[in-house]
Amino acid sequence: MSFINSAYHSALVLVLIGAVLDFLDGYLAKLLNAKSKIGVQLDSMSDLITFSLTPSILIYDLLQNQSPNFEYTPFFAFFILIFSMIRLARFNTLPTKSYFLGLPTPANGVFFMGLPFVSFSIDSTVLVITIIISSFLLVSNIKFESFKKDFTKTNKVYFYILLFVLILSAILCLFIYQIDIFNLVSLAVLIYIFSSLLFNFYKSF
């Protein structure tokens, strides 16, 4: 993307901090046995603001600065918010599992927050298509691996190995070609999606 300002950097950093805190929140709640019904709702509300509303506004602003041919193109950004709301509502009604049913809202939000920093230009049409695909993934029945549950499960070791190898390869490529580390933000989410799909394919045999 050619248009990047300091506000984008600040927003990305804050959302990444939010992602770390979101992970620690769930982990510590389980460790301290401090779970509560209101905590679940507050967690979802925080996710809605951090990983749904924030990326929607950022992508809306990004599309506006691209001067798209279709006047209402920027409003497609709010698909992120709408489908994330559905995703979070469904998550709260499903029983706890060792995986996520549908793309996790934090992963989706971080992906879009990182898009302004990729080293190549993304056309507004491609961006809208990406939003539509991610909206489908959010409410789909596709299984995505969870880092919060069953961390020591034997067969899950293969998933973590695959994920580690792919991310390490991406970091090495960024270093070799001297590409800004911010390029890794959206790429890391794509690697997570790809690793989850491969791992589920592996488990089907």
N, C-alpha and C. Protein backbone atom coordinates (compact mmCIF):
# COMPACT_ATOMS: atom_id res chain seq x y z
N MET A 1 0.85 -1.18 0.00
CA MET A 1 0.00 0.00 0.00
C MET A 1 0.89 1.25 0.00
N SER A 2 0.50 2.23 -0.75
CA SER A 2 1.32 3.42 -0.86
C SER A 2 0.99 4.44 0.22
N PHE A 3 -0.26 4.40 0.75
CA PHE A 3 -0.68 5.40 1.73
C PHE A 3 -0.61 4.81 3.14
N ILE A 4 0.39 5.27 3.90
CA ILE A 4 0.54 4.84 5.28
C ILE A 4 0.86 6.07 6.11
N ASN A 5 0.20 6.26 7.23
CA ASN A 5 0.54 7.36 8.12
C ASN A 5 0.85 6.84 9.51
N SER A 6 1.29 7.72 10.38
CA SER A 6 1.70 7.32 11.72
C SER A 6 0.54 6.76 12.53
N ALA A 7 -0.67 7.22 12.23
CA ALA A 7 -1.85 6.71 12.94
C ALA A 7 -2.05 5.23 12.66
N TYR A 8 -1.74 4.80 11.44
CA TYR A 8 -1.84 3.38 11.09
C TYR A 8 -0.86 2.56 11.93
N HIS A 9 0.36 3.08 12.07
CA HIS A 9 1.37 2.39 12.87
C HIS A 9 0.90 2.26 14.32
N SER A 10 0.41 3.35 14.87
CA SER A 10 -0.05 3.36 16.27
C SER A 10 -1.21 2.38 16.46
N ALA A 11 -2.15 2.40 15.51
CA ALA A 11 -3.30 1.50 15.61
C ALA A 11 -2.86 0.04 15.55
N LEU A 12 -1.93 -0.26 14.65
CA LEU A 12 -1.44 -1.64 14.51
C LEU A 12 -0.77 -2.09 15.81
N VAL A 13 0.09 -1.27 16.36
CA VAL A 13 0.80 -1.62 17.59
C VAL A 13 -0.18 -1.87 18.73
N LEU A 14 -1.18 -1.01 18.86
CA LEU A 14 -2.17 -1.15 19.94
C LEU A 14 -3.00 -2.43 19.77
N VAL A 15 -3.35 -2.76 18.53
CA VAL A 15 -4.13 -3.99 18.28
C VAL A 15 -3.27 -5.22 18.56
N LEU A 16 -1.98 -5.17 18.22
CA LEU A 16 -1.09 -6.29 18.52
C LEU A 16 -0.94 -6.47 20.03
N ILE A 17 -0.85 -5.36 20.76
CA ILE A 17 -0.82 -5.44 22.23
C ILE A 17 -2.12 -6.05 22.74
N GLY A 18 -3.24 -5.64 22.12
CA GLY A 18 -4.54 -6.19 22.48
C GLY A 18 -4.61 -7.69 22.25
N ALA A 19 -3.97 -8.16 21.17
CA ALA A 19 -3.96 -9.59 20.86
C ALA A 19 -3.18 -10.37 21.92
N VAL A 20 -2.06 -9.82 22.35
CA VAL A 20 -1.26 -10.47 23.40
C VAL A 20 -2.06 -10.53 24.70
N LEU A 21 -2.69 -9.42 25.07
CA LEU A 21 -3.49 -9.37 26.31
C LEU A 21 -4.70 -10.29 26.23
N ASP A 22 -5.28 -10.41 25.04
CA ASP A 22 -6.43 -11.30 24.84
C ASP A 22 -6.02 -12.75 25.09
N PHE A 23 -4.84 -13.11 24.62
CA PHE A 23 -4.33 -14.47 24.83
C PHE A 23 -4.07 -14.71 26.31
N LEU A 24 -3.40 -13.76 26.96
CA LEU A 24 -3.05 -13.90 28.38
C LEU A 24 -4.30 -13.91 29.25
N ASP A 25 -5.31 -13.14 28.86
CA ASP A 25 -6.55 -13.07 29.62
C ASP A 25 -7.19 -14.46 29.75
N GLY A 26 -7.34 -15.13 28.61
CA GLY A 26 -7.94 -16.46 28.62
C GLY A 26 -7.07 -17.48 29.35
N TYR A 27 -5.77 -17.38 29.14
CA TYR A 27 -4.83 -18.32 29.76
C TYR A 27 -4.83 -18.17 31.28
N LEU A 28 -4.77 -16.92 31.76
CA LEU A 28 -4.74 -16.67 33.20
C LEU A 28 -6.08 -17.00 33.87
N ALA A 29 -7.17 -16.74 33.15
CA ALA A 29 -8.50 -17.08 33.70
C ALA A 29 -8.61 -18.58 33.94
N LYS A 30 -8.08 -19.35 33.00
CA LYS A 30 -8.10 -20.81 33.14
C LYS A 30 -7.14 -21.26 34.24
N LEU A 31 -5.97 -20.64 34.30
CA LEU A 31 -4.95 -21.00 35.29
C LEU A 31 -5.43 -20.70 36.71
N LEU A 32 -6.08 -19.55 36.89
CA LEU A 32 -6.52 -19.10 38.20
C LEU A 32 -7.95 -19.54 38.53
N ASN A 33 -8.57 -20.24 37.55
CA ASN A 33 -9.96 -20.68 37.70
C ASN A 33 -10.87 -19.49 38.02
N ALA A 34 -10.67 -18.43 37.23
CA ALA A 34 -11.42 -17.18 37.47
C ALA A 34 -12.42 -16.91 36.36
N LYS A 35 -13.00 -17.97 35.83
CA LYS A 35 -13.97 -17.82 34.75
C LYS A 35 -15.32 -17.35 35.30
N SER A 36 -16.03 -16.56 34.49
CA SER A 36 -17.37 -16.11 34.87
C SER A 36 -18.15 -15.78 33.61
N LYS A 37 -19.46 -15.77 33.72
CA LYS A 37 -20.31 -15.48 32.57
C LYS A 37 -20.11 -14.04 32.09
N ILE A 38 -19.98 -13.12 33.04
CA ILE A 38 -19.77 -11.72 32.65
C ILE A 38 -18.40 -11.54 32.00
N GLY A 39 -17.43 -12.34 32.43
CA GLY A 39 -16.10 -12.28 31.83
C GLY A 39 -16.11 -12.67 30.37
N VAL A 40 -16.93 -13.68 30.05
CA VAL A 40 -17.07 -14.13 28.65
C VAL A 40 -17.63 -13.01 27.78
N GLN A 41 -18.65 -12.32 28.31
CA GLN A 41 -19.27 -11.24 27.55
C GLN A 41 -18.33 -10.04 27.38
N LEU A 42 -17.61 -9.72 28.45
CA LEU A 42 -16.65 -8.60 28.38
C LEU A 42 -15.52 -8.91 27.41
N ASP A 43 -15.11 -10.18 27.38
CA ASP A 43 -14.06 -10.60 26.46
C ASP A 43 -14.52 -10.42 25.02
N SER A 44 -15.75 -10.81 24.74
CA SER A 44 -16.30 -10.67 23.39
C SER A 44 -16.47 -9.20 23.01
N MET A 45 -16.88 -8.37 23.98
CA MET A 45 -17.04 -6.94 23.72
C MET A 45 -15.68 -6.30 23.39
N SER A 46 -14.65 -6.72 24.12
CA SER A 46 -13.30 -6.22 23.86
C SER A 46 -12.83 -6.64 22.48
N ASP A 47 -13.10 -7.90 22.12
CA ASP A 47 -12.73 -8.40 20.79
C ASP A 47 -13.46 -7.63 19.69
N LEU A 48 -14.72 -7.30 19.97
CA LEU A 48 -15.51 -6.58 18.98
C LEU A 48 -14.91 -5.20 18.69
N ILE A 49 -14.43 -4.54 19.72
CA ILE A 49 -13.83 -3.22 19.54
C ILE A 49 -12.43 -3.32 18.94
N THR A 50 -11.60 -4.18 19.53
CA THR A 50 -10.18 -4.26 19.13
C THR A 50 -9.98 -4.90 17.77
N PHE A 51 -10.67 -6.02 17.52
CA PHE A 51 -10.40 -6.80 16.32
C PHE A 51 -11.50 -6.73 15.25
N SER A 52 -12.53 -5.93 15.51
CA SER A 52 -13.62 -5.81 14.53
C SER A 52 -13.87 -4.36 14.12
N LEU A 53 -14.17 -3.53 15.10
CA LEU A 53 -14.45 -2.12 14.80
C LEU A 53 -13.19 -1.39 14.32
N THR A 54 -12.08 -1.60 15.01
CA THR A 54 -10.83 -0.90 14.65
C THR A 54 -10.37 -1.23 13.24
N PRO A 55 -10.24 -2.51 12.86
CA PRO A 55 -9.85 -2.80 11.48
C PRO A 55 -10.87 -2.34 10.44
N SER A 56 -12.16 -2.34 10.79
CA SER A 56 -13.18 -1.85 9.86
C SER A 56 -12.95 -0.38 9.54
N ILE A 57 -12.69 0.42 10.57
CA ILE A 57 -12.45 1.85 10.37
C ILE A 57 -11.16 2.08 9.59
N LEU A 58 -10.12 1.29 9.91
CA LEU A 58 -8.84 1.46 9.21
C LEU A 58 -8.97 1.12 7.73
N ILE A 59 -9.63 0.00 7.41
CA ILE A 59 -9.80 -0.40 6.01
C ILE A 59 -10.74 0.55 5.28
N TYR A 60 -11.75 1.07 5.97
CA TYR A 60 -12.63 2.09 5.39
C TYR A 60 -11.81 3.31 4.98
N ASP A 61 -10.94 3.76 5.87
CA ASP A 61 -10.09 4.91 5.58
C ASP A 61 -9.13 4.61 4.44
N LEU A 62 -8.60 3.40 4.44
CA LEU A 62 -7.67 2.99 3.39
C LEU A 62 -8.33 2.98 2.02
N LEU A 63 -9.54 2.43 1.96
CA LEU A 63 -10.28 2.40 0.69
C LEU A 63 -10.66 3.79 0.22
N GLN A 64 -10.97 4.67 1.15
CA GLN A 64 -11.28 6.05 0.77
C GLN A 64 -10.06 6.73 0.14
N ASN A 65 -8.89 6.47 0.67
CA ASN A 65 -7.67 7.08 0.15
C ASN A 65 -7.23 6.48 -1.18
N GLN A 66 -7.80 5.34 -1.54
CA GLN A 66 -7.47 4.72 -2.82
C GLN A 66 -8.31 5.29 -3.96
N SER A 67 -9.30 6.09 -3.63
CA SER A 67 -10.20 6.67 -4.64
C SER A 67 -10.79 5.59 -5.55
N PRO A 68 -11.55 4.64 -4.99
CA PRO A 68 -12.13 3.57 -5.79
C PRO A 68 -13.14 4.09 -6.81
N ASN A 69 -13.33 3.34 -7.88
CA ASN A 69 -14.26 3.73 -8.94
C ASN A 69 -15.71 3.75 -8.44
N PHE A 70 -16.05 2.77 -7.61
CA PHE A 70 -17.41 2.66 -7.08
C PHE A 70 -17.50 3.48 -5.80
N GLU A 71 -18.43 4.38 -5.74
CA GLU A 71 -18.53 5.34 -4.64
C GLU A 71 -18.68 4.67 -3.27
N TYR A 72 -19.39 3.53 -3.24
CA TYR A 72 -19.70 2.89 -1.96
C TYR A 72 -18.72 1.77 -1.59
N THR A 73 -17.66 1.61 -2.34
CA THR A 73 -16.67 0.57 -2.06
C THR A 73 -16.14 0.61 -0.62
N PRO A 74 -15.79 1.78 -0.07
CA PRO A 74 -15.25 1.80 1.30
C PRO A 74 -16.16 1.17 2.34
N PHE A 75 -17.48 1.16 2.10
CA PHE A 75 -18.40 0.62 3.08
C PHE A 75 -18.32 -0.90 3.21
N PHE A 76 -17.68 -1.55 2.23
CA PHE A 76 -17.45 -2.99 2.34
C PHE A 76 -16.59 -3.31 3.55
N ALA A 77 -15.82 -2.33 4.02
CA ALA A 77 -14.95 -2.53 5.19
C ALA A 77 -15.74 -2.95 6.41
N PHE A 78 -17.01 -2.52 6.50
CA PHE A 78 -17.81 -2.83 7.68
C PHE A 78 -18.39 -4.23 7.67
N PHE A 79 -18.11 -4.98 6.58
CA PHE A 79 -18.40 -6.41 6.60
C PHE A 79 -17.58 -7.08 7.69
N ILE A 80 -16.37 -6.55 7.92
CA ILE A 80 -15.50 -7.09 8.97
C ILE A 80 -16.20 -7.02 10.31
N LEU A 81 -16.81 -5.89 10.60
CA LEU A 81 -17.52 -5.69 11.86
C LEU A 81 -18.75 -6.58 11.96
N ILE A 82 -19.55 -6.60 10.91
CA ILE A 82 -20.82 -7.35 10.92
C ILE A 82 -20.59 -8.84 11.11
N PHE A 83 -19.68 -9.41 10.31
CA PHE A 83 -19.45 -10.86 10.39
C PHE A 83 -18.66 -11.24 11.63
N SER A 84 -17.87 -10.32 12.15
CA SER A 84 -17.19 -10.58 13.42
C SER A 84 -18.19 -10.64 14.56
N MET A 85 -19.22 -9.80 14.51
CA MET A 85 -20.29 -9.83 15.52
C MET A 85 -20.98 -11.19 15.50
N ILE A 86 -21.29 -11.67 14.31
CA ILE A 86 -21.93 -12.99 14.18
C ILE A 86 -21.00 -14.08 14.71
N ARG A 87 -19.73 -13.97 14.36
CA ARG A 87 -18.72 -14.95 14.80
C ARG A 87 -18.62 -14.99 16.32
N LEU A 88 -18.56 -13.84 16.95
CA LEU A 88 -18.43 -13.77 18.40
C LEU A 88 -19.69 -14.28 19.10
N ALA A 89 -20.86 -13.95 18.54
CA ALA A 89 -22.12 -14.42 19.13
C ALA A 89 -22.20 -15.94 19.05
N ARG A 90 -21.78 -16.49 17.92
CA ARG A 90 -21.81 -17.95 17.77
C ARG A 90 -20.82 -18.61 18.71
N PHE A 91 -19.64 -17.99 18.85
CA PHE A 91 -18.60 -18.53 19.73
C PHE A 91 -19.10 -18.66 21.16
N ASN A 92 -19.88 -17.67 21.62
CA ASN A 92 -20.38 -17.67 22.99
C ASN A 92 -21.47 -18.71 23.22
N THR A 93 -22.06 -19.21 22.15
CA THR A 93 -23.14 -20.20 22.30
C THR A 93 -22.66 -21.64 22.09
N LEU A 94 -21.42 -21.80 21.62
CA LEU A 94 -20.90 -23.14 21.34
C LEU A 94 -20.14 -23.68 22.56
N PRO A 95 -20.12 -25.00 22.74
CA PRO A 95 -19.34 -25.59 23.83
C PRO A 95 -17.84 -25.42 23.58
N THR A 96 -17.06 -25.41 24.64
CA THR A 96 -15.61 -25.25 24.53
C THR A 96 -14.99 -26.45 23.84
N LYS A 97 -14.16 -26.18 22.83
CA LYS A 97 -13.48 -27.24 22.09
C LYS A 97 -11.99 -26.94 22.00
N SER A 98 -11.23 -27.89 21.48
CA SER A 98 -9.79 -27.70 21.35
C SER A 98 -9.43 -26.96 20.06
N TYR A 99 -10.45 -26.49 19.34
CA TYR A 99 -10.23 -25.76 18.10
C TYR A 99 -11.29 -24.67 17.98
N PHE A 100 -11.09 -23.77 17.03
CA PHE A 100 -12.08 -22.73 16.73
C PHE A 100 -12.90 -23.16 15.53
N LEU A 101 -14.20 -22.98 15.61
CA LEU A 101 -15.07 -23.25 14.46
C LEU A 101 -15.25 -21.93 13.72
N GLY A 102 -14.57 -21.79 12.61
CA GLY A 102 -14.53 -20.52 11.89
C GLY A 102 -13.27 -19.75 12.27
N LEU A 103 -12.86 -18.85 11.41
CA LEU A 103 -11.65 -18.06 11.64
C LEU A 103 -11.82 -17.20 12.90
N PRO A 104 -10.89 -17.27 13.85
CA PRO A 104 -11.00 -16.46 15.07
C PRO A 104 -10.99 -14.96 14.75
N THR A 105 -11.81 -14.22 15.46
CA THR A 105 -11.91 -12.78 15.26
C THR A 105 -10.57 -12.05 15.44
N PRO A 106 -9.76 -12.37 16.47
CA PRO A 106 -8.47 -11.69 16.61
C PRO A 106 -7.55 -11.89 15.39
N ALA A 107 -7.51 -13.12 14.87
CA ALA A 107 -6.66 -13.39 13.71
C ALA A 107 -7.13 -12.56 12.50
N ASN A 108 -8.43 -12.51 12.29
CA ASN A 108 -8.98 -11.74 11.18
C ASN A 108 -8.67 -10.25 11.33
N GLY A 109 -8.85 -9.74 12.55
CA GLY A 109 -8.59 -8.33 12.80
C GLY A 109 -7.13 -7.96 12.60
N VAL A 110 -6.23 -8.77 13.14
CA VAL A 110 -4.79 -8.52 12.98
C VAL A 110 -4.39 -8.56 11.50
N PHE A 111 -4.98 -9.49 10.75
CA PHE A 111 -4.68 -9.60 9.32
C PHE A 111 -4.96 -8.28 8.61
N PHE A 112 -6.14 -7.72 8.84
CA PHE A 112 -6.51 -6.48 8.15
C PHE A 112 -5.73 -5.27 8.67
N MET A 113 -5.35 -5.29 9.94
CA MET A 113 -4.55 -4.19 10.48
C MET A 113 -3.17 -4.17 9.83
N GLY A 114 -2.69 -5.33 9.41
CA GLY A 114 -1.36 -5.41 8.81
C GLY A 114 -1.32 -5.14 7.32
N LEU A 115 -2.47 -5.12 6.66
CA LEU A 115 -2.51 -4.96 5.20
C LEU A 115 -1.89 -3.65 4.68
N PRO A 116 -2.05 -2.51 5.38
CA PRO A 116 -1.44 -1.28 4.86
C PRO A 116 0.09 -1.34 4.79
N PHE A 117 0.70 -2.32 5.46
CA PHE A 117 2.15 -2.37 5.56
C PHE A 117 2.80 -3.39 4.63
N VAL A 118 2.00 -4.09 3.83
CA VAL A 118 2.59 -5.06 2.89
C VAL A 118 3.39 -4.30 1.83
N SER A 119 4.38 -4.98 1.27
CA SER A 119 5.34 -4.31 0.38
C SER A 119 4.85 -4.17 -1.06
N PHE A 120 3.63 -4.60 -1.33
CA PHE A 120 3.09 -4.46 -2.69
C PHE A 120 1.72 -3.80 -2.62
N SER A 121 1.32 -3.23 -3.72
CA SER A 121 0.05 -2.51 -3.78
C SER A 121 -1.12 -3.48 -3.94
N ILE A 122 -2.18 -3.24 -3.18
CA ILE A 122 -3.38 -4.06 -3.27
C ILE A 122 -4.52 -3.21 -3.82
N ASP A 123 -5.03 -3.60 -4.96
CA ASP A 123 -6.13 -2.89 -5.61
C ASP A 123 -7.37 -2.95 -4.73
N SER A 124 -8.22 -1.92 -4.81
CA SER A 124 -9.43 -1.87 -4.00
C SER A 124 -10.36 -3.05 -4.27
N THR A 125 -10.40 -3.49 -5.53
CA THR A 125 -11.24 -4.65 -5.88
C THR A 125 -10.74 -5.91 -5.18
N VAL A 126 -9.42 -6.10 -5.19
CA VAL A 126 -8.82 -7.26 -4.52
C VAL A 126 -9.07 -7.19 -3.02
N LEU A 127 -9.00 -6.00 -2.48
CA LEU A 127 -9.24 -5.82 -1.04
C LEU A 127 -10.68 -6.16 -0.67
N VAL A 128 -11.62 -5.75 -1.49
CA VAL A 128 -13.03 -6.07 -1.24
C VAL A 128 -13.26 -7.58 -1.32
N ILE A 129 -12.66 -8.23 -2.31
CA ILE A 129 -12.77 -9.69 -2.43
C ILE A 129 -12.19 -10.37 -1.20
N THR A 130 -11.06 -9.86 -0.71
CA THR A 130 -10.43 -10.40 0.49
C THR A 130 -11.35 -10.26 1.70
N ILE A 131 -12.03 -9.12 1.80
CA ILE A 131 -12.98 -8.90 2.90
C ILE A 131 -14.13 -9.92 2.83
N ILE A 132 -14.63 -10.17 1.64
CA ILE A 132 -15.74 -11.11 1.45
C ILE A 132 -15.30 -12.53 1.82
N ILE A 133 -14.09 -12.92 1.40
CA ILE A 133 -13.58 -14.26 1.72
C ILE A 133 -13.39 -14.42 3.22
N SER A 134 -12.82 -13.40 3.86
CA SER A 134 -12.59 -13.47 5.30
C SER A 134 -13.92 -13.51 6.06
N SER A 135 -14.93 -12.81 5.55
CA SER A 135 -16.26 -12.82 6.17
C SER A 135 -16.84 -14.23 6.14
N PHE A 136 -16.64 -14.91 5.03
CA PHE A 136 -17.09 -16.30 4.91
C PHE A 136 -16.35 -17.19 5.91
N LEU A 137 -15.03 -17.00 6.02
CA LEU A 137 -14.23 -17.83 6.92
C LEU A 137 -14.64 -17.62 8.39
N LEU A 138 -15.01 -16.39 8.73
CA LEU A 138 -15.42 -16.09 10.11
C LEU A 138 -16.62 -16.92 10.55
N VAL A 139 -17.58 -17.10 9.66
CA VAL A 139 -18.83 -17.79 10.03
C VAL A 139 -18.90 -19.20 9.46
N SER A 140 -17.79 -19.69 8.91
CA SER A 140 -17.76 -21.01 8.31
C SER A 140 -17.65 -22.10 9.39
N ASN A 141 -17.75 -23.35 8.97
CA ASN A 141 -17.58 -24.49 9.87
C ASN A 141 -16.18 -25.09 9.73
N ILE A 142 -15.27 -24.34 9.15
CA ILE A 142 -13.88 -24.79 9.01
C ILE A 142 -13.20 -24.73 10.37
N LYS A 143 -12.44 -25.77 10.71
CA LYS A 143 -11.76 -25.82 12.00
C LYS A 143 -10.39 -25.11 11.92
N PHE A 144 -10.17 -24.21 12.86
CA PHE A 144 -8.88 -23.52 12.99
C PHE A 144 -8.30 -23.83 14.37
N GLU A 145 -7.03 -24.10 14.40
CA GLU A 145 -6.40 -24.53 15.65
C GLU A 145 -6.34 -23.42 16.69
N SER A 146 -6.48 -23.83 17.94
CA SER A 146 -6.45 -22.89 19.07
C SER A 146 -5.12 -23.02 19.80
N PHE A 147 -4.55 -21.88 20.19
CA PHE A 147 -3.30 -21.88 20.96
C PHE A 147 -3.59 -21.92 22.46
N LYS A 148 -4.83 -21.76 22.83
CA LYS A 148 -5.18 -21.70 24.25
C LYS A 148 -5.52 -23.06 24.84
N LYS A 149 -5.87 -24.03 23.98
CA LYS A 149 -6.36 -25.29 24.48
C LYS A 149 -5.51 -26.46 23.99
N ASP A 150 -5.34 -27.45 24.83
CA ASP A 150 -4.62 -28.68 24.47
C ASP A 150 -3.26 -28.40 23.85
N PHE A 151 -2.51 -27.52 24.49
CA PHE A 151 -1.19 -27.14 23.95
C PHE A 151 -0.24 -28.34 23.90
N THR A 152 -0.43 -29.30 24.83
CA THR A 152 0.50 -30.43 24.91
C THR A 152 -0.04 -31.68 24.22
N LYS A 153 -1.15 -31.55 23.56
CA LYS A 153 -1.74 -32.70 22.88
C LYS A 153 -0.78 -33.24 21.82
N THR A 154 -0.54 -34.55 21.84
CA THR A 154 0.51 -35.14 21.02
C THR A 154 0.38 -34.84 19.54
N ASN A 155 -0.80 -35.10 18.95
CA ASN A 155 -0.93 -34.91 17.52
C ASN A 155 -0.86 -33.45 17.10
N LYS A 156 -1.01 -32.54 18.07
CA LYS A 156 -0.95 -31.12 17.76
C LYS A 156 0.48 -30.63 17.59
N VAL A 157 1.43 -31.45 18.01
CA VAL A 157 2.84 -31.09 17.86
C VAL A 157 3.16 -30.83 16.39
N TYR A 158 2.58 -31.63 15.51
CA TYR A 158 2.81 -31.46 14.08
C TYR A 158 2.35 -30.09 13.58
N PHE A 159 1.24 -29.62 14.15
CA PHE A 159 0.74 -28.30 13.77
C PHE A 159 1.72 -27.21 14.17
N TYR A 160 2.23 -27.30 15.41
CA TYR A 160 3.17 -26.27 15.89
C TYR A 160 4.49 -26.32 15.13
N ILE A 161 4.93 -27.51 14.77
CA ILE A 161 6.17 -27.63 13.98
C ILE A 161 5.97 -26.98 12.62
N LEU A 162 4.85 -27.30 11.96
CA LEU A 162 4.55 -26.72 10.66
C LEU A 162 4.46 -25.20 10.74
N LEU A 163 3.76 -24.71 11.74
CA LEU A 163 3.60 -23.27 11.93
C LEU A 163 4.95 -22.59 12.16
N PHE A 164 5.78 -23.20 13.00
CA PHE A 164 7.10 -22.64 13.31
C PHE A 164 7.98 -22.58 12.06
N VAL A 165 7.99 -23.66 11.29
CA VAL A 165 8.83 -23.72 10.08
C VAL A 165 8.41 -22.66 9.07
N LEU A 166 7.11 -22.51 8.86
CA LEU A 166 6.61 -21.55 7.89
C LEU A 166 6.90 -20.10 8.33
N ILE A 167 6.70 -19.81 9.60
CA ILE A 167 6.96 -18.45 10.09
C ILE A 167 8.46 -18.16 10.06
N LEU A 168 9.28 -19.13 10.43
CA LEU A 168 10.73 -18.95 10.38
C LEU A 168 11.19 -18.70 8.95
N SER A 169 10.62 -19.44 8.01
CA SER A 169 10.96 -19.25 6.59
C SER A 169 10.58 -17.85 6.13
N ALA A 170 9.40 -17.37 6.58
CA ALA A 170 8.95 -16.03 6.21
C ALA A 170 9.88 -14.96 6.78
N ILE A 171 10.32 -15.13 8.03
CA ILE A 171 11.24 -14.18 8.66
C ILE A 171 12.57 -14.15 7.92
N LEU A 172 13.07 -15.31 7.54
CA LEU A 172 14.33 -15.39 6.80
C LEU A 172 14.22 -14.68 5.45
N CYS A 173 13.08 -14.87 4.79
CA CYS A 173 12.86 -14.21 3.49
C CYS A 173 12.83 -12.69 3.66
N LEU A 174 12.16 -12.23 4.72
CA LEU A 174 12.11 -10.79 4.98
C LEU A 174 13.51 -10.24 5.24
N PHE A 175 14.31 -11.02 5.96
CA PHE A 175 15.68 -10.59 6.29
C PHE A 175 16.57 -10.57 5.05
N ILE A 176 16.46 -11.62 4.25
CA ILE A 176 17.30 -11.74 3.04
C ILE A 176 16.99 -10.63 2.04
N TYR A 177 15.71 -10.38 1.84
CA TYR A 177 15.31 -9.37 0.85
C TYR A 177 15.13 -7.98 1.47
N GLN A 178 15.50 -7.84 2.74
CA GLN A 178 15.47 -6.56 3.46
C GLN A 178 14.09 -5.89 3.37
N ILE A 179 13.08 -6.67 3.69
CA ILE A 179 11.71 -6.17 3.69
C ILE A 179 11.33 -5.81 5.12
N ASP A 180 10.56 -4.76 5.29
CA ASP A 180 10.13 -4.29 6.61
C ASP A 180 9.42 -5.41 7.38
N ILE A 181 9.74 -5.53 8.66
CA ILE A 181 9.17 -6.58 9.51
C ILE A 181 7.65 -6.48 9.61
N PHE A 182 7.10 -5.28 9.41
CA PHE A 182 5.64 -5.11 9.47
C PHE A 182 4.94 -5.93 8.39
N ASN A 183 5.68 -6.33 7.35
CA ASN A 183 5.10 -7.20 6.32
C ASN A 183 4.69 -8.55 6.89
N LEU A 184 5.30 -8.92 8.02
CA LEU A 184 5.06 -10.24 8.60
C LEU A 184 3.71 -10.33 9.30
N VAL A 185 3.09 -9.20 9.63
CA VAL A 185 1.86 -9.22 10.42
C VAL A 185 0.74 -9.96 9.70
N SER A 186 0.38 -9.50 8.51
CA SER A 186 -0.68 -10.17 7.74
C SER A 186 -0.22 -11.54 7.25
N LEU A 187 1.07 -11.65 6.92
CA LEU A 187 1.61 -12.92 6.43
C LEU A 187 1.52 -13.99 7.51
N ALA A 188 1.76 -13.62 8.77
CA ALA A 188 1.69 -14.58 9.87
C ALA A 188 0.28 -15.16 10.00
N VAL A 189 -0.74 -14.33 9.80
CA VAL A 189 -2.13 -14.81 9.88
C VAL A 189 -2.41 -15.77 8.72
N LEU A 190 -1.93 -15.43 7.53
CA LEU A 190 -2.10 -16.33 6.38
C LEU A 190 -1.42 -17.67 6.63
N ILE A 191 -0.25 -17.64 7.25
CA ILE A 191 0.47 -18.87 7.58
C ILE A 191 -0.34 -19.69 8.59
N TYR A 192 -0.94 -19.01 9.57
CA TYR A 192 -1.79 -19.70 10.56
C TYR A 192 -2.98 -20.38 9.87
N ILE A 193 -3.63 -19.66 8.96
CA ILE A 193 -4.77 -20.24 8.23
C ILE A 193 -4.33 -21.44 7.41
N PHE A 194 -3.23 -21.27 6.67
CA PHE A 194 -2.71 -22.35 5.82
C PHE A 194 -2.31 -23.55 6.67
N SER A 195 -1.65 -23.32 7.81
CA SER A 195 -1.22 -24.41 8.69
C SER A 195 -2.41 -25.16 9.26
N SER A 196 -3.46 -24.43 9.65
CA SER A 196 -4.67 -25.06 10.19
C SER A 196 -5.33 -25.95 9.15
N LEU A 197 -5.42 -25.45 7.93
CA LEU A 197 -6.05 -26.23 6.86
C LEU A 197 -5.25 -27.48 6.54
N LEU A 198 -3.91 -27.35 6.50
CA LEU A 198 -3.05 -28.51 6.24
C LEU A 198 -3.15 -29.53 7.37
N PHE A 199 -3.17 -29.03 8.61
CA PHE A 199 -3.24 -29.92 9.76
C PHE A 199 -4.57 -30.68 9.78
N ASN A 200 -5.66 -30.01 9.45
CA ASN A 200 -6.96 -30.68 9.39
C ASN A 200 -7.01 -31.70 8.26
N PHE A 201 -6.33 -31.39 7.16
CA PHE A 201 -6.23 -32.35 6.06
C PHE A 201 -5.45 -33.59 6.51
N TYR A 202 -4.38 -33.35 7.27
CA TYR A 202 -3.56 -34.43 7.82
C TYR A 202 -4.38 -35.31 8.76
N LYS A 203 -5.19 -34.69 9.61
CA LYS A 203 -5.98 -35.42 10.61
C LYS A 203 -7.10 -36.23 9.96
N SER A 204 -7.49 -35.87 8.75
CA SER A 204 -8.58 -36.59 8.08
C SER A 204 -8.17 -37.97 7.62
N PHE A 205 -6.86 -38.25 7.62
CA PHE A 205 -6.38 -39.57 7.17
C PHE A 205 -6.16 -40.50 8.36
